[in-house]
Amino acid sequence: MEKTVIVGLVNRNQNQKKSQEYLDELEFLSITAGGVVEKRFTQRIETPNPSTLIGKGKMDEIGTYVKAK
């Protein structure tokens, strides 16, 4: 099984509830493809980073988590 992490965004166009719905759908798709979601991350951000969509701090947090696994 592939291990995955998924990331959701909360911003002025997408509230916490909608973000969780999207994460639920991503998790289902991961499972359908034979994966298992190890961790879900959420980023509250007003203006997504054009290259990563999430901020540097969240990128570092995810990187630290993945390296620890």
PDB file of N, CA and C in Angstrom:
ATOM      1  N   MET A   1       0.823  -1.192   0.000  1.00  0.00           N
ATOM      2  CA  MET A   1       0.000   0.000   0.000  1.00  0.00           C
ATOM      3  C   MET A   1       0.863   1.250   0.000  1.00  0.00           C
ATOM      4  N   GLU A   2       0.490   2.198  -0.834  1.00  0.00           N
ATOM      5  CA  GLU A   2       1.159   3.498  -0.864  1.00  0.00           C
ATOM      6  C   GLU A   2       0.698   4.328   0.322  1.00  0.00           C
ATOM      7  N   LYS A   3       1.632   4.941   1.011  1.00  0.00           N
ATOM      8  CA  LYS A   3       1.301   5.853   2.099  1.00  0.00           C
ATOM      9  C   LYS A   3       1.208   7.260   1.528  1.00  0.00           C
ATOM     10  N   THR A   4       0.188   7.990   1.942  1.00  0.00           N
ATOM     11  CA  THR A   4      -0.003   9.342   1.428  1.00  0.00           C
ATOM     12  C   THR A   4      -0.282  10.327   2.560  1.00  0.00           C
ATOM     13  N   VAL A   5      -0.032  11.587   2.272  1.00  0.00           N
ATOM     14  CA  VAL A   5      -0.514  12.687   3.105  1.00  0.00           C
ATOM     15  C   VAL A   5      -1.345  13.562   2.172  1.00  0.00           C
ATOM     16  N   ILE A   6      -2.392  14.156   2.712  1.00  0.00           N
ATOM     17  CA  ILE A   6      -3.229  15.030   1.902  1.00  0.00           C
ATOM     18  C   ILE A   6      -3.302  16.399   2.574  1.00  0.00           C
ATOM     19  N   VAL A   7      -3.485  17.424   1.748  1.00  0.00           N
ATOM     20  CA  VAL A   7      -3.466  18.798   2.243  1.00  0.00           C
ATOM     21  C   VAL A   7      -4.702  19.531   1.734  1.00  0.00           C
ATOM     22  N   GLY A   8      -5.379  20.214   2.643  1.00  0.00           N
ATOM     23  CA  GLY A   8      -6.537  21.021   2.279  1.00  0.00           C
ATOM     24  C   GLY A   8      -6.302  22.481   2.618  1.00  0.00           C
ATOM     25  N   LEU A   9      -6.952  23.354   1.869  1.00  0.00           N
ATOM     26  CA  LEU A   9      -6.834  24.792   2.090  1.00  0.00           C
ATOM     27  C   LEU A   9      -8.129  25.366   2.639  1.00  0.00           C
ATOM     28  N   VAL A  10      -7.986  26.325   3.535  1.00  0.00           N
ATOM     29  CA  VAL A  10      -9.111  27.110   4.023  1.00  0.00           C
ATOM     30  C   VAL A  10      -8.791  28.557   3.682  1.00  0.00           C
ATOM     31  N   ASN A  11      -9.686  29.202   2.929  1.00  0.00           N
ATOM     32  CA  ASN A  11      -9.489  30.609   2.579  1.00  0.00           C
ATOM     33  C   ASN A  11     -10.841  31.286   2.423  1.00  0.00           C
ATOM     34  N   ARG A  12     -10.841  32.498   1.905  1.00  0.00           N
ATOM     35  CA  ARG A  12     -12.107  33.239   1.801  1.00  0.00           C
ATOM     36  C   ARG A  12     -13.093  32.576   0.839  1.00  0.00           C
ATOM     37  N   ASN A  13     -12.615  31.747  -0.071  1.00  0.00           N
ATOM     38  CA  ASN A  13     -13.486  31.065  -1.026  1.00  0.00           C
ATOM     39  C   ASN A  13     -13.865  29.653  -0.586  1.00  0.00           C
ATOM     40  N   GLN A  14     -13.211  29.143   0.448  1.00  0.00           N
ATOM     41  CA  GLN A  14     -13.435  27.756   0.879  1.00  0.00           C
ATOM     42  C   GLN A  14     -13.303  27.684   2.393  1.00  0.00           C
ATOM     43  N   ASN A  15     -14.414  27.427   3.071  1.00  0.00           N
ATOM     44  CA  ASN A  15     -14.389  27.387   4.530  1.00  0.00           C
ATOM     45  C   ASN A  15     -13.895  26.032   5.047  1.00  0.00           C
ATOM     46  N   GLN A  16     -13.779  25.923   6.368  1.00  0.00           N
ATOM     47  CA  GLN A  16     -13.263  24.703   7.006  1.00  0.00           C
ATOM     48  C   GLN A  16     -14.108  23.478   6.645  1.00  0.00           C
ATOM     49  N   LYS A  17     -15.420  23.625   6.659  1.00  0.00           N
ATOM     50  CA  LYS A  17     -16.310  22.494   6.352  1.00  0.00           C
ATOM     51  C   LYS A  17     -16.087  22.000   4.926  1.00  0.00           C
ATOM     52  N   LYS A  18     -16.024  22.916   3.969  1.00  0.00           N
ATOM     53  CA  LYS A  18     -15.815  22.535   2.569  1.00  0.00           C
ATOM     54  C   LYS A  18     -14.439  21.896   2.393  1.00  0.00           C
ATOM     55  N   SER A  19     -13.436  22.428   3.071  1.00  0.00           N
ATOM     56  CA  SER A  19     -12.094  21.852   3.006  1.00  0.00           C
ATOM     57  C   SER A  19     -12.105  20.408   3.505  1.00  0.00           C
ATOM     58  N   GLN A  20     -12.810  20.152   4.601  1.00  0.00           N
ATOM     59  CA  GLN A  20     -12.896  18.791   5.142  1.00  0.00           C
ATOM     60  C   GLN A  20     -13.617  17.853   4.173  1.00  0.00           C
ATOM     61  N   GLU A  21     -14.650  18.358   3.498  1.00  0.00           N
ATOM     62  CA  GLU A  21     -15.349  17.549   2.493  1.00  0.00           C
ATOM     63  C   GLU A  21     -14.394  17.157   1.370  1.00  0.00           C
ATOM     64  N   TYR A  22     -13.595  18.109   0.912  1.00  0.00           N
ATOM     65  CA  TYR A  22     -12.625  17.815  -0.147  1.00  0.00           C
ATOM     66  C   TYR A  22     -11.562  16.823   0.335  1.00  0.00           C
ATOM     67  N   LEU A  23     -11.115  16.972   1.578  1.00  0.00           N
ATOM     68  CA  LEU A  23     -10.136  16.028   2.126  1.00  0.00           C
ATOM     69  C   LEU A  23     -10.738  14.630   2.241  1.00  0.00           C
ATOM     70  N   ASP A  24     -12.011  14.544   2.633  1.00  0.00           N
ATOM     71  CA  ASP A  24     -12.687  13.244   2.688  1.00  0.00           C
ATOM     72  C   ASP A  24     -12.704  12.592   1.311  1.00  0.00           C
ATOM     73  N   GLU A  25     -13.001  13.390   0.283  1.00  0.00           N
ATOM     74  CA  GLU A  25     -13.024  12.865  -1.081  1.00  0.00           C
ATOM     75  C   GLU A  25     -11.625  12.426  -1.526  1.00  0.00           C
ATOM     76  N   LEU A  26     -10.609  13.234  -1.214  1.00  0.00           N
ATOM     77  CA  LEU A  26      -9.232  12.848  -1.552  1.00  0.00           C
ATOM     78  C   LEU A  26      -8.827  11.556  -0.850  1.00  0.00           C
ATOM     79  N   GLU A  27      -9.229  11.421   0.411  1.00  0.00           N
ATOM     80  CA  GLU A  27      -8.903  10.201   1.147  1.00  0.00           C
ATOM     81  C   GLU A  27      -9.573   8.994   0.500  1.00  0.00           C
ATOM     82  N   PHE A  28     -10.831   9.142   0.111  1.00  0.00           N
ATOM     83  CA  PHE A  28     -11.537   8.055  -0.562  1.00  0.00           C
ATOM     84  C   PHE A  28     -10.837   7.682  -1.872  1.00  0.00           C
ATOM     85  N   LEU A  29     -10.422   8.686  -2.642  1.00  0.00           N
ATOM     86  CA  LEU A  29      -9.712   8.418  -3.897  1.00  0.00           C
ATOM     87  C   LEU A  29      -8.389   7.711  -3.647  1.00  0.00           C
ATOM     88  N   SER A  30      -7.698   8.100  -2.604  1.00  0.00           N
ATOM     89  CA  SER A  30      -6.439   7.450  -2.249  1.00  0.00           C
ATOM     90  C   SER A  30      -6.664   5.979  -1.914  1.00  0.00           C
ATOM     91  N   ILE A  31      -7.678   5.718  -1.113  1.00  0.00           N
ATOM     92  CA  ILE A  31      -8.002   4.333  -0.738  1.00  0.00           C
ATOM     93  C   ILE A  31      -8.391   3.531  -1.971  1.00  0.00           C
ATOM     94  N   THR A  32      -9.194   4.128  -2.845  1.00  0.00           N
ATOM     95  CA  THR A  32      -9.623   3.461  -4.073  1.00  0.00           C
ATOM     96  C   THR A  32      -8.426   3.086  -4.945  1.00  0.00           C
ATOM     97  N   ALA A  33      -7.391   3.916  -4.919  1.00  0.00           N
ATOM     98  CA  ALA A  33      -6.187   3.662  -5.715  1.00  0.00           C
ATOM     99  C   ALA A  33      -5.201   2.741  -4.999  1.00  0.00           C
ATOM    100  N   GLY A  34      -5.595   2.227  -3.832  1.00  0.00           N
ATOM    101  CA  GLY A  34      -4.733   1.291  -3.117  1.00  0.00           C
ATOM    102  C   GLY A  34      -3.832   1.941  -2.091  1.00  0.00           C
ATOM    103  N   GLY A  35      -4.100   3.176  -1.746  1.00  0.00           N
ATOM    104  CA  GLY A  35      -3.263   3.880  -0.778  1.00  0.00           C
ATOM    105  C   GLY A  35      -3.893   3.935   0.599  1.00  0.00           C
ATOM    106  N   VAL A  36      -3.127   4.456   1.520  1.00  0.00           N
ATOM    107  CA  VAL A  36      -3.617   4.695   2.873  1.00  0.00           C
ATOM    108  C   VAL A  36      -3.153   6.092   3.285  1.00  0.00           C
ATOM    109  N   VAL A  37      -4.080   6.899   3.769  1.00  0.00           N
ATOM    110  CA  VAL A  37      -3.740   8.259   4.180  1.00  0.00           C
ATOM    111  C   VAL A  37      -3.153   8.212   5.584  1.00  0.00           C
ATOM    112  N   GLU A  38      -1.901   8.596   5.686  1.00  0.00           N
ATOM    113  CA  GLU A  38      -1.199   8.611   6.969  1.00  0.00           C
ATOM    114  C   GLU A  38      -1.541   9.854   7.783  1.00  0.00           C
ATOM    115  N   LYS A  39      -1.750  10.985   7.091  1.00  0.00           N
ATOM    116  CA  LYS A  39      -1.969  12.253   7.808  1.00  0.00           C
ATOM    117  C   LYS A  39      -2.691  13.235   6.898  1.00  0.00           C
ATOM    118  N   ARG A  40      -3.544  14.032   7.518  1.00  0.00           N
ATOM    119  CA  ARG A  40      -4.242  15.116   6.829  1.00  0.00           C
ATOM    120  C   ARG A  40      -3.728  16.445   7.390  1.00  0.00           C
ATOM    121  N   PHE A  41      -3.371  17.351   6.499  1.00  0.00           N
ATOM    122  CA  PHE A  41      -2.928  18.685   6.892  1.00  0.00           C
ATOM    123  C   PHE A  41      -3.924  19.706   6.356  1.00  0.00           C
ATOM    124  N   THR A  42      -4.116  20.775   7.102  1.00  0.00           N
ATOM    125  CA  THR A  42      -4.962  21.876   6.652  1.00  0.00           C
ATOM    126  C   THR A  42      -4.184  23.177   6.802  1.00  0.00           C
ATOM    127  N   GLN A  43      -4.278  24.021   5.797  1.00  0.00           N
ATOM    128  CA  GLN A  43      -3.604  25.326   5.799  1.00  0.00           C
ATOM    129  C   GLN A  43      -4.655  26.412   5.658  1.00  0.00           C
ATOM    130  N   ARG A  44      -4.696  27.314   6.618  1.00  0.00           N
ATOM    131  CA  ARG A  44      -5.550  28.508   6.508  1.00  0.00           C
ATOM    132  C   ARG A  44      -4.684  29.597   5.894  1.00  0.00           C
ATOM    133  N   ILE A  45      -5.061  30.033   4.688  1.00  0.00           N
ATOM    134  CA  ILE A  45      -4.238  30.997   3.958  1.00  0.00           C
ATOM    135  C   ILE A  45      -5.139  31.851   3.069  1.00  0.00           C
ATOM    136  N   GLU A  46      -4.898  33.150   3.065  1.00  0.00           N
ATOM    137  CA  GLU A  46      -5.717  34.057   2.252  1.00  0.00           C
ATOM    138  C   GLU A  46      -5.279  34.071   0.790  1.00  0.00           C
ATOM    139  N   THR A  47      -3.978  34.113   0.568  1.00  0.00           N
ATOM    140  CA  THR A  47      -3.460  34.138  -0.797  1.00  0.00           C
ATOM    141  C   THR A  47      -2.525  32.949  -0.990  1.00  0.00           C
ATOM    142  N   PRO A  48      -2.977  31.914  -1.707  1.00  0.00           N
ATOM    143  CA  PRO A  48      -2.130  30.739  -1.913  1.00  0.00           C
ATOM    144  C   PRO A  48      -0.831  31.081  -2.646  1.00  0.00           C
ATOM    145  N   ASN A  49       0.245  30.399  -2.257  1.00  0.00           N
ATOM    146  CA  ASN A  49       1.538  30.541  -2.918  1.00  0.00           C
ATOM    147  C   ASN A  49       1.387  30.015  -4.349  1.00  0.00           C
ATOM    148  N   PRO A  50       1.782  30.771  -5.371  1.00  0.00           N
ATOM    149  CA  PRO A  50       1.591  30.334  -6.753  1.00  0.00           C
ATOM    150  C   PRO A  50       2.292  29.017  -7.102  1.00  0.00           C
ATOM    151  N   SER A  51       3.383  28.694  -6.437  1.00  0.00           N
ATOM    152  CA  SER A  51       4.111  27.472  -6.806  1.00  0.00           C
ATOM    153  C   SER A  51       3.716  26.256  -5.977  1.00  0.00           C
ATOM    154  N   THR A  52       3.256  26.461  -4.748  1.00  0.00           N
ATOM    155  CA  THR A  52       2.952  25.303  -3.888  1.00  0.00           C
ATOM    156  C   THR A  52       1.531  25.317  -3.328  1.00  0.00           C
ATOM    157  N   LEU A  53       0.844  26.426  -3.450  1.00  0.00           N
ATOM    158  CA  LEU A  53      -0.484  26.681  -2.877  1.00  0.00           C
ATOM    159  C   LEU A  53      -0.465  26.866  -1.371  1.00  0.00           C
ATOM    160  N   ILE A  54       0.509  26.292  -0.679  1.00  0.00           N
ATOM    161  CA  ILE A  54       0.587  26.425   0.773  1.00  0.00           C
ATOM    162  C   ILE A  54       1.816  27.248   1.146  1.00  0.00           C
ATOM    163  N   GLY A  55       1.854  27.707   2.378  1.00  0.00           N
ATOM    164  CA  GLY A  55       2.965  28.529   2.834  1.00  0.00           C
ATOM    165  C   GLY A  55       4.213  27.727   3.155  1.00  0.00           C
ATOM    166  N   LYS A  56       5.327  28.427   3.286  1.00  0.00           N
ATOM    167  CA  LYS A  56       6.610  27.779   3.571  1.00  0.00           C
ATOM    168  C   LYS A  56       6.576  27.027   4.896  1.00  0.00           C
ATOM    169  N   GLY A  57       5.949  27.606   5.909  1.00  0.00           N
ATOM    170  CA  GLY A  57       5.868  26.939   7.208  1.00  0.00           C
ATOM    171  C   GLY A  57       5.142  25.607   7.127  1.00  0.00           C
ATOM    172  N   LYS A  58       4.056  25.559   6.364  1.00  0.00           N
ATOM    173  CA  LYS A  58       3.302  24.308   6.207  1.00  0.00           C
ATOM    174  C   LYS A  58       4.111  23.310   5.387  1.00  0.00           C
ATOM    175  N   MET A  59       4.834  23.807   4.367  1.00  0.00           N
ATOM    176  CA  MET A  59       5.711  22.919   3.585  1.00  0.00           C
ATOM    177  C   MET A  59       6.751  22.286   4.495  1.00  0.00           C
ATOM    178  N   ASP A  60       7.342  23.092   5.381  1.00  0.00           N
ATOM    179  CA  ASP A  60       8.342  22.578   6.316  1.00  0.00           C
ATOM    180  C   ASP A  60       7.723  21.548   7.260  1.00  0.00           C
ATOM    181  N   GLU A  61       6.511  21.837   7.759  1.00  0.00           N
ATOM    182  CA  GLU A  61       5.826  20.908   8.663  1.00  0.00           C
ATOM    183  C   GLU A  61       5.561  19.564   7.981  1.00  0.00           C
ATOM    184  N   ILE A  62       5.093  19.608   6.748  1.00  0.00           N
ATOM    185  CA  ILE A  62       4.822  18.377   5.999  1.00  0.00           C
ATOM    186  C   ILE A  62       6.129  17.637   5.728  1.00  0.00           C
ATOM    187  N   GLY A  63       7.166  18.368   5.319  1.00  0.00           N
ATOM    188  CA  GLY A  63       8.467  17.749   5.066  1.00  0.00           C
ATOM    189  C   GLY A  63       9.030  17.069   6.296  1.00  0.00           C
ATOM    190  N   THR A  64       8.917  17.715   7.442  1.00  0.00           N
ATOM    191  CA  THR A  64       9.385  17.127   8.701  1.00  0.00           C
ATOM    192  C   THR A  64       8.610  15.857   9.019  1.00  0.00           C
ATOM    193  N   TYR A  65       7.299  15.891   8.822  1.00  0.00           N
ATOM    194  CA  TYR A  65       6.465  14.713   9.083  1.00  0.00           C
ATOM    195  C   TYR A  65       6.871  13.546   8.177  1.00  0.00           C
ATOM    196  N   VAL A  66       7.015  13.834   6.887  1.00  0.00           N
ATOM    197  CA  VAL A  66       7.349  12.781   5.918  1.00  0.00           C
ATOM    198  C   VAL A  66       8.724  12.187   6.219  1.00  0.00           C
ATOM    199  N   LYS A  67       9.692  13.021   6.536  1.00  0.00           N
ATOM    200  CA  LYS A  67      11.038  12.523   6.844  1.00  0.00           C
ATOM    201  C   LYS A  67      11.047  11.662   8.100  1.00  0.00           C
ATOM    202  N   ALA A  68      10.181  11.982   9.054  1.00  0.00           N
ATOM    203  CA  ALA A  68      10.115  11.208  10.305  1.00  0.00           C
ATOM    204  C   ALA A  68       9.504   9.831  10.093  1.00  0.00           C
ATOM    205  N   LYS A  69       8.733   9.682   9.044  1.00  0.00           N
ATOM    206  CA  LYS A  69       8.094   8.402   8.751  1.00  0.00           C
ATOM    207  C   LYS A  69       9.060   7.545   8.003  1.00  0.00           C
TER     208      LYS A  69
END
